[in-house]
Protein backbone atom coordinates (compact mmCIF):
# COMPACT_ATOMS: atom_id res chain seq x y z
CA MET A 1 0.00 0.00 0.00
CA ALA A 2 2.06 2.96 1.23
CA SER A 3 5.27 1.09 2.09
CA THR A 4 8.49 1.21 0.04
CA LEU A 5 9.36 -1.95 -1.95
CA ALA A 6 12.93 -2.57 -3.24
CA LEU A 7 13.41 -4.75 -6.35
CA ASN A 8 16.89 -6.35 -6.59
CA VAL A 9 17.83 -6.72 -10.29
CA ARG A 10 21.10 -6.34 -12.21
CA LYS A 11 20.15 -3.44 -14.50
CA PRO A 12 19.53 -1.01 -13.02
CA PRO A 13 21.03 -2.18 -9.69
CA THR A 14 18.23 -0.78 -7.55
CA ILE A 15 14.76 0.54 -8.36
CA THR A 16 12.69 2.04 -5.57
CA ARG A 17 8.95 2.08 -6.06
CA LEU A 18 7.40 5.31 -4.83
CA PRO A 19 4.58 5.06 -2.28
CA ARG A 20 1.21 4.69 -3.89
CA ARG A 21 -1.27 7.42 -3.28
CA PRO A 22 -4.10 6.44 -0.93
CA ASP A 23 -7.14 5.33 -2.84
CA PRO A 24 -10.19 7.16 -1.39
CA ARG A 25 -12.45 4.50 -2.90
CA GLN A 26 -10.73 1.81 -0.83
CA ASP A 27 -11.11 3.95 2.28
CA ARG A 28 -14.82 4.35 1.58
CA VAL A 29 -15.21 0.61 1.07
CA MET A 30 -13.41 -0.11 4.36
CA ASP A 31 -15.54 2.47 6.17
CA LEU A 32 -18.67 0.92 4.70
CA ARG A 33 -17.61 -2.56 5.80
CA ARG A 34 -16.93 -1.32 9.32
CA ASP A 35 -20.32 0.38 9.44
CA VAL A 36 -22.08 -2.76 8.20
CA ALA A 37 -20.29 -4.87 10.81
CA LEU A 38 -21.12 -2.34 13.51
CA GLY A 39 -24.76 -2.20 12.43
CA ALA A 40 -25.01 -5.98 12.52
CA ARG A 41 -23.47 -6.11 15.97
CA LEU A 42 -25.79 -3.42 17.29
CA ALA A 43 -28.80 -5.21 15.77
CA VAL A 44 -27.83 -8.37 17.62
CA MET A 45 -27.42 -6.40 20.85
CA ARG A 46 -30.83 -4.73 20.38
CA ALA A 47 -32.53 -8.03 19.64
CA GLY A 48 -30.95 -9.64 22.67
CA GLY A 49 -31.86 -6.68 24.85
CA LEU A 50 -35.47 -6.71 23.67
CA ALA A 51 -35.71 -10.45 24.32
CA MET A 52 -34.36 -10.02 27.87
CA ALA A 53 -36.72 -7.09 28.46
CA ALA A 54 -39.70 -9.17 27.30
CA ALA A 55 -38.54 -11.99 29.58
CA GLY A 56 -38.66 -9.61 32.54
CA ASP A 57 -35.17 -8.21 33.02
CA PRO A 58 -35.72 -4.78 34.66
CA VAL A 59 -32.45 -3.21 33.50
CA LEU A 60 -33.23 -3.84 29.83
CA ARG A 61 -36.86 -2.82 30.27
CA LEU A 62 -35.67 0.72 30.98
CA LEU A 63 -34.62 0.89 27.31
CA HIS A 64 -37.90 -0.26 25.79
CA ARG A 65 -41.51 0.83 25.65
CA PRO A 66 -43.81 0.93 27.50
CA TRP A 67 -41.39 0.96 30.43
CA ILE A 68 -39.22 3.78 29.07
CA ASP A 69 -42.24 6.11 29.28
CA ASP A 70 -43.44 4.91 32.68
CA PRO A 71 -40.85 3.00 34.75
CA THR A 72 -43.15 2.61 37.77
CA SER A 73 -43.54 -1.16 37.35
CA VAL A 74 -39.77 -1.55 36.84
CA HIS A 75 -39.07 0.35 40.07
CA ARG A 76 -41.46 -1.92 41.95
CA GLN A 77 -39.90 -5.05 40.44
CA LEU A 78 -36.43 -3.93 41.46
CA LEU A 79 -37.46 -2.82 44.95
CA GLN A 80 -39.37 -6.04 45.64
CA GLY A 81 -36.64 -8.33 44.31
CA PRO A 82 -33.50 -9.61 46.02
CA GLN A 83 -30.88 -7.03 46.92
CA PRO A 84 -28.62 -7.12 44.96
CA TYR A 85 -30.63 -8.35 41.97
CA ALA A 86 -28.71 -10.37 39.36
CA SER A 87 -29.61 -8.93 35.95
CA ARG A 88 -29.32 -11.07 32.84
CA THR A 89 -26.95 -8.41 31.51
CA GLY A 90 -24.32 -9.80 33.87
CA VAL A 91 -24.42 -6.98 36.41
CA LEU A 92 -25.76 -6.79 39.94
CA VAL A 93 -28.40 -4.18 40.77
CA VAL A 94 -29.39 -2.51 44.05
CA ALA A 95 -32.54 -0.40 44.20
CA THR A 96 -33.41 0.39 47.82
CA HIS A 97 -32.49 3.83 49.10
CA ALA A 98 -30.33 2.36 51.87
CA LEU A 99 -28.25 0.11 49.62
CA CYS A 100 -27.86 2.69 46.85
CA ARG A 101 -26.70 5.20 49.46
CA ASP A 102 -24.26 2.66 50.91
CA LEU A 103 -22.90 1.79 47.48
CA VAL A 104 -22.15 5.37 46.36
CA ARG A 105 -20.61 6.29 49.71
CA ASP A 106 -18.50 3.17 50.28
CA ARG A 107 -14.94 3.92 49.12
CA ARG A 108 -14.28 0.23 48.58
CA PHE A 109 -16.52 0.52 45.51
CA LEU A 110 -14.75 2.32 42.66
CA VAL A 111 -15.61 3.46 39.14
CA ARG A 112 -12.84 1.45 37.45
CA PRO A 113 -12.02 -2.28 37.63
CA ARG A 114 -8.61 -3.40 38.80
CA ASP A 115 -7.11 -3.38 35.29
CA GLY A 116 -8.07 0.30 34.85
CA GLY A 117 -10.49 -0.42 31.99
CA SER A 118 -14.09 0.69 31.76
CA LEU A 119 -17.04 -0.77 33.62
CA GLY A 120 -18.92 -0.80 30.32
CA GLY A 121 -16.15 -2.98 28.93
CA SER A 122 -16.41 -5.27 31.93
CA VAL A 123 -20.10 -5.84 31.21
CA ALA A 124 -19.25 -6.98 27.68
CA GLY A 125 -16.24 -9.04 28.74
CA ALA A 126 -13.70 -6.67 27.15
CA ARG A 127 -13.14 -2.94 26.91
CA ASP A 128 -15.66 -1.66 24.40
CA PRO A 129 -15.85 1.90 23.01
CA LEU A 130 -19.48 1.29 22.03
CA LEU A 131 -20.41 1.02 25.69
CA GLU A 132 -18.20 3.85 26.91
CA PRO A 133 -17.78 6.12 23.88
CA VAL A 134 -17.32 9.42 25.75
CA ASP A 135 -14.41 10.61 27.90
CA LEU A 136 -16.06 11.67 31.17
CA SER A 137 -12.91 13.18 32.66
CA PHE A 138 -12.84 12.82 36.46
CA LEU A 139 -16.30 11.20 36.56
CA GLY A 140 -14.62 8.08 35.21
CA MET A 141 -11.62 8.24 37.55
CA ASP A 142 -10.83 7.04 41.03
CA PRO A 143 -8.58 8.78 43.57
CA PRO A 144 -5.99 10.21 43.44
CA GLU A 145 -6.64 11.39 39.84
CA HIS A 146 -10.30 12.09 40.59
CA THR A 147 -9.39 14.14 43.67
CA ARG A 148 -6.76 16.18 41.82
CA LEU A 149 -9.02 17.16 38.90
CA ARG A 150 -12.09 17.82 41.03
CA ARG A 151 -10.07 20.20 43.21
CA LEU A 152 -9.07 22.19 40.12
CA VAL A 153 -12.66 23.35 39.62
CA GLY A 154 -14.45 22.67 42.90
CA GLY A 155 -14.16 26.23 44.15
CA TRP A 156 -16.23 27.51 41.21
CA PHE A 157 -19.32 25.50 42.23
CA THR A 158 -19.62 26.08 45.96
CA PRO A 159 -23.08 27.17 47.21
CA ALA A 160 -21.71 30.62 48.10
CA ARG A 161 -20.22 31.17 44.65
CA VAL A 162 -23.29 29.82 42.88
CA GLU A 163 -25.49 32.26 44.82
CA ALA A 164 -23.67 35.10 43.08
CA TYR A 165 -24.90 33.76 39.71
CA GLU A 166 -28.58 34.20 40.65
CA PRO A 167 -29.08 37.64 39.02
CA LEU A 168 -27.71 36.25 35.74
CA VAL A 169 -29.93 33.16 35.95
CA VAL A 170 -33.02 35.26 36.73
CA ARG A 171 -32.36 37.62 33.82
CA LEU A 172 -31.84 34.77 31.32
CA ALA A 173 -34.81 32.72 32.58
CA GLU A 174 -37.26 35.62 32.47
CA ARG A 175 -36.20 36.53 28.93
CA LEU A 176 -36.62 32.95 27.68
CA VAL A 177 -39.97 32.46 29.44
CA ASP A 178 -41.30 35.81 28.16
CA ASP A 179 -40.36 34.78 24.61
CA ALA A 180 -42.12 31.43 25.09
CA VAL A 181 -45.29 33.06 26.45
CA ARG A 182 -45.63 35.13 23.29
CA ARG A 183 -45.58 31.94 21.20
CA GLU A 184 -48.23 30.26 23.42
CA ARG A 185 -47.34 26.80 22.06
CA PHE A 186 -43.71 25.73 22.16
CA ASP A 187 -41.27 22.91 22.86
CA LEU A 188 -40.19 23.38 26.47
CA VAL A 189 -36.85 21.62 25.85
CA ALA A 190 -35.86 23.86 22.93
CA ALA A 191 -37.35 27.09 24.29
CA VAL A 192 -36.31 27.05 27.96
CA ALA A 193 -34.89 23.84 29.39
CA THR A 194 -31.83 23.71 27.12
CA PRO A 195 -30.94 27.35 26.31
CA LEU A 196 -31.03 28.49 29.95
CA PRO A 197 -28.35 26.16 31.36
CA VAL A 198 -26.32 26.41 28.13
CA ALA A 199 -26.18 30.20 28.50
CA VAL A 200 -25.30 29.99 32.20
CA ILE A 201 -22.50 27.46 31.90
CA ALA A 202 -21.14 29.24 28.81
CA GLU A 203 -21.02 32.48 30.81
CA LEU A 204 -19.31 30.76 33.73
CA LEU A 205 -16.70 29.15 31.46
CA GLY A 206 -16.24 32.27 29.38
CA VAL A 207 -17.42 30.84 26.07
CA PRO A 208 -18.58 33.36 23.41
CA ASP A 209 -22.36 33.58 22.94
CA GLU A 210 -22.22 32.64 19.26
CA HIS A 211 -21.29 29.07 20.17
CA ALA A 212 -24.43 28.40 22.27
CA ALA A 213 -26.36 26.71 19.46
CA SER A 214 -23.40 24.48 18.67
CA PHE A 215 -23.08 23.49 22.33
CA ALA A 216 -26.73 22.45 22.46
CA ARG A 217 -26.30 20.37 19.29
CA TRP A 218 -23.11 18.75 20.55
CA GLY A 219 -24.76 18.10 23.90
CA ARG A 220 -27.65 16.24 22.29
CA SER A 221 -25.23 14.02 20.36
CA VAL A 222 -23.07 13.31 23.39
CA GLY A 223 -26.07 12.79 25.67
CA ALA A 224 -27.48 10.27 23.21
CA GLY A 225 -24.21 8.35 23.36
CA LEU A 226 -23.79 8.25 27.14
CA GLY A 227 -25.84 5.10 27.44
CA GLY A 228 -24.16 3.46 24.45
CA VAL A 229 -24.59 4.20 20.74
CA ARG A 230 -27.52 2.74 18.82
CA SER A 231 -26.27 2.91 15.20
CA ALA A 232 -23.17 3.52 13.08
CA ARG A 233 -24.63 6.88 12.09
CA ALA A 234 -25.07 7.85 15.75
CA LEU A 235 -21.46 6.87 16.45
CA HIS A 236 -20.26 9.08 13.61
CA ARG A 237 -22.37 11.99 14.89
CA LEU A 238 -20.97 11.45 18.36
CA ASP A 239 -17.36 11.33 17.14
CA ALA A 240 -17.92 14.49 15.09
CA ALA A 241 -19.55 16.32 18.00
CA VAL A 242 -16.80 15.37 20.43
CA GLY A 243 -14.12 16.36 17.92
CA GLU A 244 -15.71 19.74 17.20
CA LEU A 245 -16.25 20.45 20.90
CA ARG A 246 -12.70 19.54 21.86
CA GLY A 247 -11.33 21.57 18.96
CA LEU A 248 -13.19 24.70 20.01
CA LEU A 249 -12.30 24.31 23.69
CA GLY A 250 -8.66 23.75 22.77
CA ASP A 251 -8.64 27.00 20.78
CA LEU A 252 -10.36 28.92 23.59
CA LEU A 253 -7.94 27.58 26.22
CA ALA A 254 -4.98 28.56 24.05
CA ARG A 255 -6.37 32.11 23.77
CA ARG A 256 -6.91 32.34 27.52
CA ARG A 257 -3.27 31.46 28.17
CA HIS A 258 -2.26 34.62 26.32
CA ASP A 259 -5.26 36.79 27.18
CA PRO A 260 -6.82 35.61 30.49
CA SER A 261 -10.12 36.83 31.85
CA ASP A 262 -12.20 36.27 34.99
CA ASP A 263 -13.73 32.97 33.92
CA LEU A 264 -13.30 29.25 34.47
CA LEU A 265 -11.52 28.61 31.16
CA SER A 266 -8.88 31.17 32.12
CA HIS A 267 -8.52 29.46 35.48
CA LEU A 268 -7.99 26.10 33.75
CA ALA A 269 -5.58 27.58 31.22
CA ALA A 270 -3.42 28.88 34.05
CA GLN A 271 -2.99 25.44 35.62
CA ASP A 272 0.10 23.33 35.04
CA ALA A 273 -1.88 20.43 33.62
CA ASP A 274 -1.84 18.23 30.54
CA VAL A 275 -3.54 19.96 27.60
CA GLU A 276 -5.73 17.02 26.57
CA GLU A 277 -6.69 16.41 30.18
CA THR A 278 -7.67 20.05 30.57
CA ILE A 279 -9.77 19.97 27.39
CA SER A 280 -11.57 16.84 28.67
CA LEU A 281 -12.27 18.55 31.97
CA ALA A 282 -13.64 21.67 30.27
CA ALA A 283 -15.84 19.54 28.00
CA LEU A 284 -17.24 17.66 30.99
CA LEU A 285 -18.09 20.89 32.80
CA LEU A 286 -19.81 22.29 29.74
CA LEU A 287 -21.89 19.20 28.93
CA ALA A 288 -22.70 18.19 32.50
CA GLY A 289 -23.42 21.83 33.25
CA PHE A 290 -26.49 21.89 31.06
CA GLU A 291 -27.55 18.30 30.36
CA THR A 292 -28.64 17.49 33.92
CA THR A 293 -30.45 20.82 34.38
CA SER A 294 -32.22 20.56 31.04
CA THR A 295 -33.37 17.05 31.94
CA LEU A 296 -34.48 18.15 35.42
CA LEU A 297 -36.60 21.01 34.04
CA GLY A 298 -38.31 18.83 31.45
CA ASN A 299 -39.06 16.07 33.95
CA ALA A 300 -40.37 18.54 36.55
CA VAL A 301 -42.79 20.29 34.17
CA ALA A 302 -44.01 16.98 32.74
CA ALA A 303 -44.64 15.44 36.15
CA MET A 304 -46.42 18.46 37.61
CA THR A 305 -48.59 19.21 34.59
CA ASP A 306 -49.52 15.53 34.24
CA ALA A 307 -50.76 15.49 37.84
CA ARG A 308 -52.22 19.03 37.37
CA GLU A 309 -52.66 19.75 41.08
CA PRO A 310 -48.91 20.30 41.77
CA TRP A 311 -48.64 22.80 38.90
CA ALA A 312 -51.72 24.68 40.06
CA ARG A 313 -50.26 24.91 43.57
CA LEU A 314 -46.91 26.10 42.24
CA ALA A 315 -48.64 28.72 40.08
CA ALA A 316 -50.48 29.96 43.17
CA ASP A 317 -47.22 30.18 45.11
CA PRO A 318 -44.09 30.28 42.86
CA ALA A 319 -41.94 30.59 45.99
CA ARG A 320 -42.41 26.83 46.36
CA ALA A 321 -40.24 26.21 43.32
CA ALA A 322 -37.42 24.88 45.51
CA ASP A 323 -39.80 22.22 46.90
CA ALA A 324 -40.84 21.35 43.35
CA VAL A 325 -37.20 20.88 42.34
CA GLU A 326 -36.46 18.46 45.19
CA GLU A 327 -39.65 16.46 44.65
CA SER A 328 -38.91 16.22 40.92
CA LEU A 329 -35.37 14.99 41.63
CA ARG A 330 -36.89 12.27 43.80
CA PHE A 331 -39.83 11.47 41.53
CA ASP A 332 -38.05 11.41 38.17
CA ALA A 333 -34.28 11.49 38.66
CA PRO A 334 -32.36 12.72 35.58
CA ILE A 335 -29.70 9.98 35.95
CA ARG A 336 -31.15 6.47 36.21
CA PHE A 337 -28.13 4.77 37.75
CA THR A 338 -24.47 4.96 38.62
CA ALA A 339 -22.02 2.06 38.44
CA ARG A 340 -19.38 0.86 40.90
CA THR A 341 -17.12 -2.17 41.32
CA PRO A 342 -15.02 -3.43 44.26
CA HIS A 343 -11.34 -4.33 44.09
CA GLU A 344 -11.84 -6.84 46.90
CA THR A 345 -14.72 -9.01 48.03
CA VAL A 346 -17.26 -6.76 49.74
CA SER A 347 -20.52 -7.66 51.47
CA LEU A 348 -23.50 -5.75 50.08
CA GLY A 349 -27.07 -6.50 51.07
CA GLU A 350 -27.79 -10.22 50.74
CA ARG A 351 -24.56 -11.32 49.07
CA ASP A 352 -20.82 -10.95 48.81
CA VAL A 353 -19.70 -9.05 45.72
CA ALA A 354 -16.56 -10.42 44.05
CA PRO A 355 -13.82 -8.09 42.75
CA ASP A 356 -14.53 -6.39 39.40
CA THR A 357 -18.23 -7.26 39.55
CA VAL A 358 -20.26 -4.35 38.19
CA VAL A 359 -22.97 -3.12 40.57
CA LEU A 360 -25.58 -0.57 39.49
CA ALA A 361 -27.15 1.76 42.03
CA MET A 362 -30.58 2.48 40.54
CA LEU A 363 -30.99 6.09 41.66
CA GLY A 364 -34.39 6.48 40.05
CA ALA A 365 -35.79 3.41 41.80
CA ALA A 366 -34.30 4.51 45.14
CA GLY A 367 -36.45 7.64 44.96
CA HIS A 368 -39.53 5.39 44.95
CA ASP A 369 -38.54 3.24 47.91
CA PRO A 370 -41.67 2.98 50.13
CA ALA A 371 -39.43 2.36 53.13
CA VAL A 372 -38.42 6.04 52.87
CA HIS A 373 -41.22 7.73 50.90
CA ALA A 374 -44.92 7.13 51.59
CA ASP A 375 -46.99 6.83 48.38
CA PRO A 376 -43.77 7.13 46.32
CA ASP A 377 -45.52 7.18 42.94
CA VAL A 378 -47.37 10.41 43.81
CA PHE A 379 -45.80 13.82 43.13
CA ASP A 380 -46.30 15.63 46.45
CA LEU A 381 -45.01 19.17 47.05
CA ASP A 382 -45.62 18.71 50.79
CA ARG A 383 -43.66 15.46 51.04
CA PRO A 384 -41.50 15.69 54.19
CA THR A 385 -38.89 13.35 52.68
CA ARG A 386 -38.66 15.01 49.24
CA GLY A 387 -35.03 16.01 49.87
CA GLU A 388 -33.99 12.46 50.80
CA HIS A 389 -33.00 11.35 47.32
CA LEU A 390 -29.83 10.29 45.52
CA ALA A 391 -30.44 12.07 42.22
CA PHE A 392 -27.01 13.71 42.44
CA SER A 393 -25.33 10.46 43.55
CA GLY A 394 -23.22 10.63 46.72
CA GLY A 395 -19.83 10.20 48.31
CA ILE A 396 -16.76 11.53 46.51
CA HIS A 397 -18.67 11.49 43.19
CA TYR A 398 -21.52 13.68 44.43
CA CYS A 399 -22.48 15.98 41.55
CA LEU A 400 -20.19 19.01 41.56
CA GLY A 401 -22.80 21.15 39.79
CA ALA A 402 -25.74 20.27 42.06
CA PRO A 403 -26.02 23.80 43.59
CA LEU A 404 -26.05 25.38 40.12
CA ALA A 405 -28.60 22.89 38.77
CA ARG A 406 -30.88 23.55 41.75
CA LEU A 407 -30.61 27.32 41.28
CA GLU A 408 -31.38 27.21 37.55
CA ALA A 409 -34.31 24.80 37.95
CA ARG A 410 -35.79 26.80 40.85
CA VAL A 411 -35.62 30.11 38.98
CA ALA A 412 -36.97 28.67 35.73
CA LEU A 413 -39.88 26.82 37.36
CA ALA A 414 -40.87 29.94 39.33
CA ALA A 415 -40.83 32.04 36.16
CA LEU A 416 -42.85 29.47 34.20
CA ALA A 417 -45.43 29.04 36.96
CA GLU A 418 -45.86 32.79 37.46
CA ARG A 419 -46.32 33.58 33.76
CA MET A 420 -48.10 30.40 32.68
CA PRO A 421 -50.44 29.24 35.46
CA THR A 422 -52.42 27.06 33.02
CA LEU A 423 -49.40 25.47 31.32
CA HIS A 424 -50.21 22.01 30.03
CA ARG A 425 -48.70 19.36 27.80
CA THR A 426 -49.75 18.86 24.19
CA ARG A 427 -49.14 15.90 21.89
CA GLY A 428 -45.77 14.97 20.48
CA ALA A 429 -43.51 14.45 23.52
CA VAL A 430 -40.49 12.26 22.79
CA ARG A 431 -38.48 10.54 25.51
CA ARG A 432 -34.78 9.92 24.92
CA ARG A 433 -34.15 6.19 24.61
CA SER A 434 -31.19 5.94 26.95
CA LEU A 435 -30.39 3.54 29.74
CA LEU A 436 -28.54 6.27 31.61
CA LEU A 437 -30.46 9.53 31.06
CA ARG A 438 -34.14 9.89 31.89
CA SER A 439 -34.95 12.88 29.71
CA TYR A 440 -37.10 14.37 26.98
CA LEU A 441 -35.91 15.18 23.48
CA ARG A 442 -39.12 17.13 22.86
CA LEU A 443 -41.80 18.29 25.29
CA PRO A 444 -44.53 20.30 23.50
CA VAL A 445 -46.57 22.48 25.86
CA ALA A 446 -49.12 25.28 25.63
CA ALA A 447 -49.56 28.28 27.88
């Protein structure tokens, strides 16, 4: 192909063949073959997953209808089953609030197996980029690397610092909600739930406003891939989105090294850290900074308008928006689960967990544990235990951006309830089909 080949003959003594130019047609054929093979593999995985879901496996049911739209029966199945529950996927699952809390707080359970590979790869029997296609920076690290990177940015997300962002959040939320009111019918995700946290995190990082639309697009592609890709086309979109995002952040960080400002990118640029590592950290902050909040807002509005009475009560008293946020986090957690594995045999619930065994803490199910929450399938603004949830995980991996997500959701819900007391859902809602994220792609509503 492109190697040099020497021909030993008498006349002339040596002839060197020049490298052949790459044939783009061969590259296209190879790409097509890879895509066909990937598509076939994914089809087999989908068929197997659907069969296991139909046979009753609760983990796989969270990827298929009707359970993806209403996971209530799955939560009950998990909570009433053995703890841990042995899924046919090869992982163990805990669902009660107590065991999920113990799992995320116990430092003997880590996010990487002993060989340093991915937990997604461990599920499949080998490291697999299809199951862990996105670099999650310190979210996918254990101490000491996790501790070092988290400390680099932790001071920017303290409750006291986040409180100073409230005027910005209020100004942005009121503008977006006022624009939505004038349209009367709109997609809540596109009109409010996504642009608000994108604008806030972009401001905090110091990203120019003109890139906001690109961030939302990249975020949708990356969010779709967090639970594993579903097609060759989706994998290409994901690779392109990650490449474009990293390219832009790399350029911005380089500029900040020469022309710093009072923003988080300038802070990162000033650190003596590996460039690629810094870009990964910035990308995580950007994507996590809006994806969870966007999901939280969509889930909260859907749950309250479906039940009607909670939205009417919030409209009558928008100051209760903080209660609505906590109850929504319990009722419909944005992140379905988090994964851990021990490096030694550890007792958990009713069994001993062997090293490198993947254990899922089902955060969404834990919020519906009747041992903690009475009538858990009811959205109740007066629930005394509404704050006792694990929606932001726990332990050393507790969500760094939780104070900011709470602030944005509280301000946005108060603005929506005050200006749209009769807000209700219309037809056409689309749930994201993801094992990890419990979110809406589209949520049409009318004022």
